[in-house]
N, C-alpha and C. Protein backbone atom coordinates (compact mmCIF):
# COMPACT_ATOMS: atom_id res chain seq x y z
N MET A 1 186.94 -178.20 -33.20
CA MET A 1 186.94 -179.53 -33.96
C MET A 1 185.76 -180.41 -33.40
N HIS A 2 185.14 -180.88 -34.41
CA HIS A 2 183.78 -181.67 -33.92
C HIS A 2 184.33 -183.32 -33.30
N SER A 3 183.70 -183.57 -32.37
CA SER A 3 184.10 -185.07 -31.83
C SER A 3 182.60 -185.84 -32.09
N LEU A 4 183.00 -187.07 -32.37
CA LEU A 4 181.86 -188.27 -32.40
C LEU A 4 181.44 -188.51 -31.15
N PHE A 5 182.44 -188.20 -30.42
CA PHE A 5 182.12 -188.72 -29.06
C PHE A 5 182.17 -187.76 -28.04
N VAL A 6 181.77 -187.98 -26.63
CA VAL A 6 181.65 -187.00 -25.54
C VAL A 6 181.97 -188.03 -24.47
N LEU A 7 182.75 -187.58 -23.39
CA LEU A 7 183.20 -188.26 -22.11
C LEU A 7 182.25 -187.85 -21.05
N THR A 8 181.45 -188.86 -20.31
CA THR A 8 180.48 -187.99 -19.29
C THR A 8 181.17 -188.91 -17.82
N ASP A 9 180.37 -188.83 -16.90
CA ASP A 9 180.62 -189.54 -16.05
C ASP A 9 180.20 -191.02 -15.95
N ASP A 10 179.24 -191.43 -16.88
CA ASP A 10 179.08 -192.68 -17.02
C ASP A 10 179.96 -193.52 -18.23
N GLY A 11 180.89 -192.78 -18.80
CA GLY A 11 181.73 -193.34 -19.78
C GLY A 11 181.79 -192.29 -21.09
N VAL A 12 181.91 -193.11 -22.05
CA VAL A 12 181.92 -192.46 -23.43
C VAL A 12 180.48 -192.80 -24.05
N GLN A 13 180.24 -191.79 -24.87
CA GLN A 13 178.93 -191.88 -25.45
C GLN A 13 179.02 -191.21 -26.81
N VAL A 14 178.35 -191.68 -27.88
CA VAL A 14 178.25 -190.99 -29.28
C VAL A 14 177.44 -189.57 -29.06
N ALA A 15 178.19 -188.62 -29.39
CA ALA A 15 177.68 -187.19 -29.52
C ALA A 15 175.95 -187.20 -30.13
N GLU A 16 175.40 -186.24 -29.25
CA GLU A 16 173.91 -186.01 -29.77
C GLU A 16 174.36 -185.34 -30.98
N GLY A 17 173.18 -185.99 -31.97
CA GLY A 17 173.26 -185.52 -33.44
C GLY A 17 174.03 -186.49 -34.31
N ASP A 18 174.86 -187.40 -33.80
CA ASP A 18 175.73 -188.51 -34.47
C ASP A 18 175.16 -189.76 -34.09
N ALA A 19 174.17 -189.80 -33.54
CA ALA A 19 173.44 -191.12 -33.23
C ALA A 19 173.46 -192.12 -34.12
N ASP A 20 173.18 -191.85 -35.72
CA ASP A 20 173.02 -192.36 -36.55
C ASP A 20 174.04 -193.45 -37.06
N TYR A 21 175.26 -192.92 -36.40
CA TYR A 21 176.45 -193.92 -36.96
C TYR A 21 176.24 -195.15 -36.65
N GLU A 22 176.79 -196.39 -37.42
CA GLU A 22 176.91 -197.52 -36.77
C GLU A 22 178.10 -198.08 -36.60
N TYR A 23 179.35 -197.29 -37.03
CA TYR A 23 180.57 -197.87 -36.97
C TYR A 23 181.42 -196.95 -36.68
N PHE A 24 182.56 -196.99 -36.21
CA PHE A 24 183.56 -196.12 -36.08
C PHE A 24 184.94 -196.87 -36.31
N VAL A 25 185.75 -196.18 -37.20
CA VAL A 25 187.13 -197.00 -37.63
C VAL A 25 188.23 -195.80 -36.83
N MET A 26 189.34 -196.39 -36.60
CA MET A 26 190.36 -195.95 -35.84
C MET A 26 191.41 -196.50 -36.14
N SER A 27 192.61 -195.60 -36.43
CA SER A 27 193.73 -196.25 -36.82
C SER A 27 194.85 -195.80 -35.97
N SER A 28 195.98 -196.63 -36.11
CA SER A 28 197.17 -196.38 -34.91
C SER A 28 197.61 -195.07 -35.28
N ASN A 29 197.72 -194.31 -36.54
CA ASN A 29 198.18 -193.13 -36.83
C ASN A 29 197.46 -191.96 -35.72
N TYR A 30 196.40 -192.18 -35.69
CA TYR A 30 195.64 -191.13 -34.92
C TYR A 30 195.98 -191.80 -33.29
N ARG A 31 195.90 -192.75 -32.99
CA ARG A 31 195.80 -193.13 -31.67
C ARG A 31 197.37 -192.34 -31.09
N ASN A 32 198.49 -193.11 -31.86
CA ASN A 32 199.79 -192.50 -31.72
C ASN A 32 200.19 -191.02 -31.73
N ARG A 33 199.19 -190.31 -32.44
CA ARG A 33 199.48 -188.90 -32.86
C ARG A 33 199.22 -188.37 -31.25
N TYR A 34 198.21 -188.73 -30.68
CA TYR A 34 197.69 -188.01 -29.33
C TYR A 34 198.79 -188.73 -28.30
N SER A 35 198.81 -190.24 -28.32
CA SER A 35 199.38 -190.62 -27.21
C SER A 35 200.80 -190.06 -27.10
N ASN A 36 201.48 -189.52 -28.31
CA ASN A 36 202.82 -189.03 -28.11
C ASN A 36 202.67 -187.54 -27.27
N GLU A 37 201.92 -187.13 -27.23
CA GLU A 37 201.51 -186.01 -26.45
C GLU A 37 200.33 -185.77 -25.40
N PRO A 38 200.69 -186.69 -24.22
CA PRO A 38 199.48 -187.05 -23.53
C PRO A 38 199.18 -185.75 -22.48
N HIS A 39 200.01 -184.73 -22.24
CA HIS A 39 199.49 -183.72 -21.56
C HIS A 39 198.63 -182.70 -22.32
N ARG A 40 198.83 -182.54 -23.40
CA ARG A 40 198.19 -181.88 -24.40
C ARG A 40 196.77 -182.45 -24.76
N TYR A 41 196.82 -184.05 -24.93
CA TYR A 41 195.69 -184.47 -25.52
C TYR A 41 194.96 -185.49 -24.44
N ALA A 42 194.98 -185.23 -23.20
CA ALA A 42 194.58 -185.96 -22.10
C ALA A 42 192.85 -186.29 -22.29
N ASP A 43 192.27 -185.63 -22.84
CA ASP A 43 190.86 -185.75 -22.95
C ASP A 43 190.48 -186.67 -23.90
N ILE A 44 191.11 -186.39 -25.28
CA ILE A 44 190.96 -187.43 -26.50
C ILE A 44 191.53 -188.80 -26.21
N ILE A 45 192.90 -188.82 -25.18
CA ILE A 45 193.30 -190.23 -24.84
C ILE A 45 192.22 -190.99 -24.21
N ALA A 46 191.82 -190.50 -23.05
CA ALA A 46 190.84 -191.10 -22.21
C ALA A 46 189.39 -191.31 -22.91
N ILE A 47 189.06 -190.78 -24.23
CA ILE A 47 187.90 -190.97 -24.94
C ILE A 47 188.39 -192.24 -25.60
N TYR A 48 189.38 -192.48 -26.27
CA TYR A 48 189.94 -193.64 -26.68
C TYR A 48 190.08 -194.81 -26.28
N GLU A 49 190.35 -194.61 -24.72
CA GLU A 49 190.61 -195.63 -23.87
C GLU A 49 189.14 -196.24 -23.37
N GLU A 50 188.18 -195.34 -23.13
CA GLU A 50 186.64 -195.58 -22.84
C GLU A 50 186.06 -195.99 -24.20
N ILE A 51 186.52 -196.03 -25.25
CA ILE A 51 186.02 -196.41 -26.78
C ILE A 51 186.25 -197.88 -26.76
N ASP A 52 187.58 -198.13 -26.23
CA ASP A 52 188.07 -199.83 -26.12
C ASP A 52 187.09 -200.43 -25.19
N GLU A 53 186.80 -199.67 -24.06
CA GLU A 53 186.07 -200.56 -22.82
C GLU A 53 184.55 -200.68 -23.42
N THR A 54 183.99 -199.72 -24.13
CA THR A 54 182.39 -199.62 -24.32
C THR A 54 181.63 -200.44 -25.23
N TYR A 55 182.76 -200.35 -26.34
CA TYR A 55 181.98 -200.49 -27.70
C TYR A 55 182.67 -202.02 -28.27
N ASP A 56 181.95 -202.77 -29.08
CA ASP A 56 182.44 -204.17 -29.45
C ASP A 56 183.42 -203.68 -30.52
N THR A 57 184.78 -204.44 -30.61
CA THR A 57 185.55 -204.26 -31.58
C THR A 57 185.03 -205.35 -32.59
N LEU A 58 184.85 -205.14 -34.03
CA LEU A 58 184.40 -206.00 -34.84
C LEU A 58 185.50 -206.59 -35.65
N LEU A 59 186.59 -205.63 -35.74
CA LEU A 59 187.72 -206.01 -36.62
C LEU A 59 188.84 -205.43 -35.76
N LYS A 60 190.09 -206.05 -35.81
CA LYS A 60 191.26 -205.63 -35.33
C LYS A 60 192.04 -206.07 -36.41
N VAL A 61 192.77 -205.08 -36.87
CA VAL A 61 194.05 -205.60 -38.03
C VAL A 61 195.24 -204.88 -37.40
N ILE A 62 196.40 -205.70 -37.39
CA ILE A 62 197.61 -205.53 -37.18
C ILE A 62 198.17 -205.12 -38.31
N GLY A 63 198.62 -203.82 -38.85
CA GLY A 63 199.74 -203.82 -39.97
C GLY A 63 201.15 -204.00 -40.18
N SER A 64 201.53 -203.84 -41.08
CA SER A 64 203.07 -203.98 -41.05
C SER A 64 203.81 -202.94 -41.99
N ASN A 65 204.89 -202.72 -41.84
CA ASN A 65 205.43 -201.74 -42.90
C ASN A 65 204.64 -200.48 -42.98
N PRO A 66 204.14 -199.89 -41.81
CA PRO A 66 203.26 -198.82 -42.00
C PRO A 66 203.88 -197.73 -43.16
N ARG A 67 202.82 -197.32 -44.06
CA ARG A 67 202.79 -196.14 -44.69
C ARG A 67 202.06 -195.19 -44.16
N HIS A 68 202.46 -193.85 -43.98
CA HIS A 68 201.74 -192.69 -43.66
C HIS A 68 201.80 -191.49 -44.59
N SER A 69 200.27 -191.38 -44.81
CA SER A 69 199.73 -190.25 -45.59
C SER A 69 199.53 -189.13 -45.01
N VAL A 70 199.64 -187.93 -45.44
CA VAL A 70 199.23 -186.81 -44.87
C VAL A 70 197.50 -186.62 -44.40
N ASN A 71 196.84 -187.67 -45.46
CA ASN A 71 195.54 -187.81 -45.34
C ASN A 71 195.25 -189.10 -44.70
N GLU A 72 194.78 -189.09 -43.46
CA GLU A 72 194.51 -190.06 -42.74
C GLU A 72 193.34 -191.23 -43.31
N MET A 73 192.54 -190.57 -44.17
CA MET A 73 191.40 -191.33 -44.57
C MET A 73 192.27 -192.18 -45.82
N VAL A 74 193.01 -191.75 -46.57
CA VAL A 74 194.00 -192.49 -47.76
C VAL A 74 194.49 -193.76 -47.01
N ASN A 75 195.10 -193.38 -45.85
CA ASN A 75 195.41 -194.64 -44.92
C ASN A 75 194.78 -195.68 -44.57
N ILE A 76 193.60 -195.22 -44.02
CA ILE A 76 192.41 -196.33 -43.91
C ILE A 76 192.02 -197.06 -45.05
N CYS A 77 191.60 -196.32 -46.06
CA CYS A 77 191.09 -196.94 -47.40
C CYS A 77 192.25 -197.97 -47.96
N TYR A 78 193.72 -197.51 -48.04
CA TYR A 78 194.64 -198.33 -48.44
C TYR A 78 194.24 -199.75 -47.63
N GLN A 79 194.28 -199.89 -46.10
CA GLN A 79 194.46 -200.95 -45.47
C GLN A 79 192.96 -201.62 -45.74
N LEU A 80 192.07 -201.08 -45.72
CA LEU A 80 190.76 -201.65 -46.31
C LEU A 80 190.80 -202.52 -47.41
N ASP A 81 191.12 -201.80 -48.57
CA ASP A 81 191.43 -202.21 -49.95
C ASP A 81 192.26 -203.53 -49.76
N TYR A 82 193.45 -203.45 -49.09
CA TYR A 82 194.16 -204.66 -48.86
C TYR A 82 193.20 -205.99 -48.17
N LEU A 83 192.75 -205.64 -47.04
CA LEU A 83 192.03 -206.74 -46.73
C LEU A 83 190.72 -207.01 -47.50
N LEU A 84 189.86 -206.34 -48.15
CA LEU A 84 188.93 -206.57 -48.94
C LEU A 84 189.44 -207.68 -50.18
N ASN A 85 190.62 -207.25 -50.69
CA ASN A 85 190.85 -207.84 -51.86
C ASN A 85 192.12 -208.73 -51.68
N GLY A 86 191.99 -209.33 -50.51
CA GLY A 86 193.15 -210.76 -50.25
C GLY A 86 194.62 -210.39 -50.39
N GLY A 87 194.98 -209.04 -50.33
CA GLY A 87 196.45 -208.69 -50.20
C GLY A 87 197.00 -208.69 -48.94
N ASP A 88 198.30 -208.36 -48.95
CA ASP A 88 199.11 -208.29 -47.53
C ASP A 88 198.54 -207.31 -46.97
N ILE A 89 198.45 -207.35 -45.35
CA ILE A 89 198.13 -206.38 -44.40
C ILE A 89 199.28 -205.49 -44.32
N ILE A 90 199.09 -204.27 -44.72
CA ILE A 90 200.49 -203.40 -44.66
C ILE A 90 199.53 -201.90 -44.42
N GLY A 91 200.42 -201.16 -43.73
CA GLY A 91 200.19 -199.85 -43.13
C GLY A 91 199.64 -199.89 -41.66
N ASP A 92 198.90 -198.94 -41.45
CA ASP A 92 198.54 -198.67 -40.08
C ASP A 92 197.63 -199.73 -39.20
N ASP A 93 197.76 -199.92 -37.88
CA ASP A 93 196.71 -201.00 -37.49
C ASP A 93 195.35 -200.13 -37.39
N ILE A 94 194.45 -200.85 -37.73
CA ILE A 94 193.15 -200.46 -37.67
C ILE A 94 192.10 -201.20 -36.68
N TRP A 95 191.17 -200.51 -36.16
CA TRP A 95 190.23 -201.06 -35.34
C TRP A 95 188.74 -200.66 -36.02
N ILE A 96 187.82 -201.55 -36.01
CA ILE A 96 186.44 -201.02 -36.49
C ILE A 96 185.57 -201.42 -35.47
N TYR A 97 184.81 -200.36 -34.82
CA TYR A 97 183.96 -200.64 -33.42
C TYR A 97 182.49 -200.53 -34.09
N GLU A 98 181.66 -201.42 -33.48
CA GLU A 98 180.20 -201.60 -33.57
C GLU A 98 179.63 -200.19 -32.44
N LEU A 99 179.06 -199.13 -32.88
CA LEU A 99 178.35 -198.35 -32.14
C LEU A 99 176.75 -198.70 -31.56
N THR A 100 176.28 -199.59 -32.47
CA THR A 100 174.86 -199.71 -32.03
C THR A 100 175.11 -201.03 -31.25
N SER A 101 173.88 -201.16 -30.49
CA SER A 101 173.78 -202.33 -29.69
C SER A 101 172.78 -203.42 -30.15
N ASP A 102 171.94 -202.84 -31.17
CA ASP A 102 170.92 -204.11 -32.11
C ASP A 102 171.53 -205.13 -32.36
């Protein structure tokens, strides 16, 4: 499985070869999936915690009445569609991080 981030002694960094990405979108569905099995996913949980500490959060939206699709990108797209079109905020919580420092 390819990861956009690597954990180093200096914290979390965008993986070599992925430096062109400017933003990272995370949903509570992903966070919860891994946090429900901390012994199995300790490395991924550590990366997510470091992302929170390292990168600026451009947007954090707390959803309500979460709907879950098998396809996580569908969940994120639904949430963004609601936000951009002035609808109610439903679905997963989402975070958008800025990966660039410029």
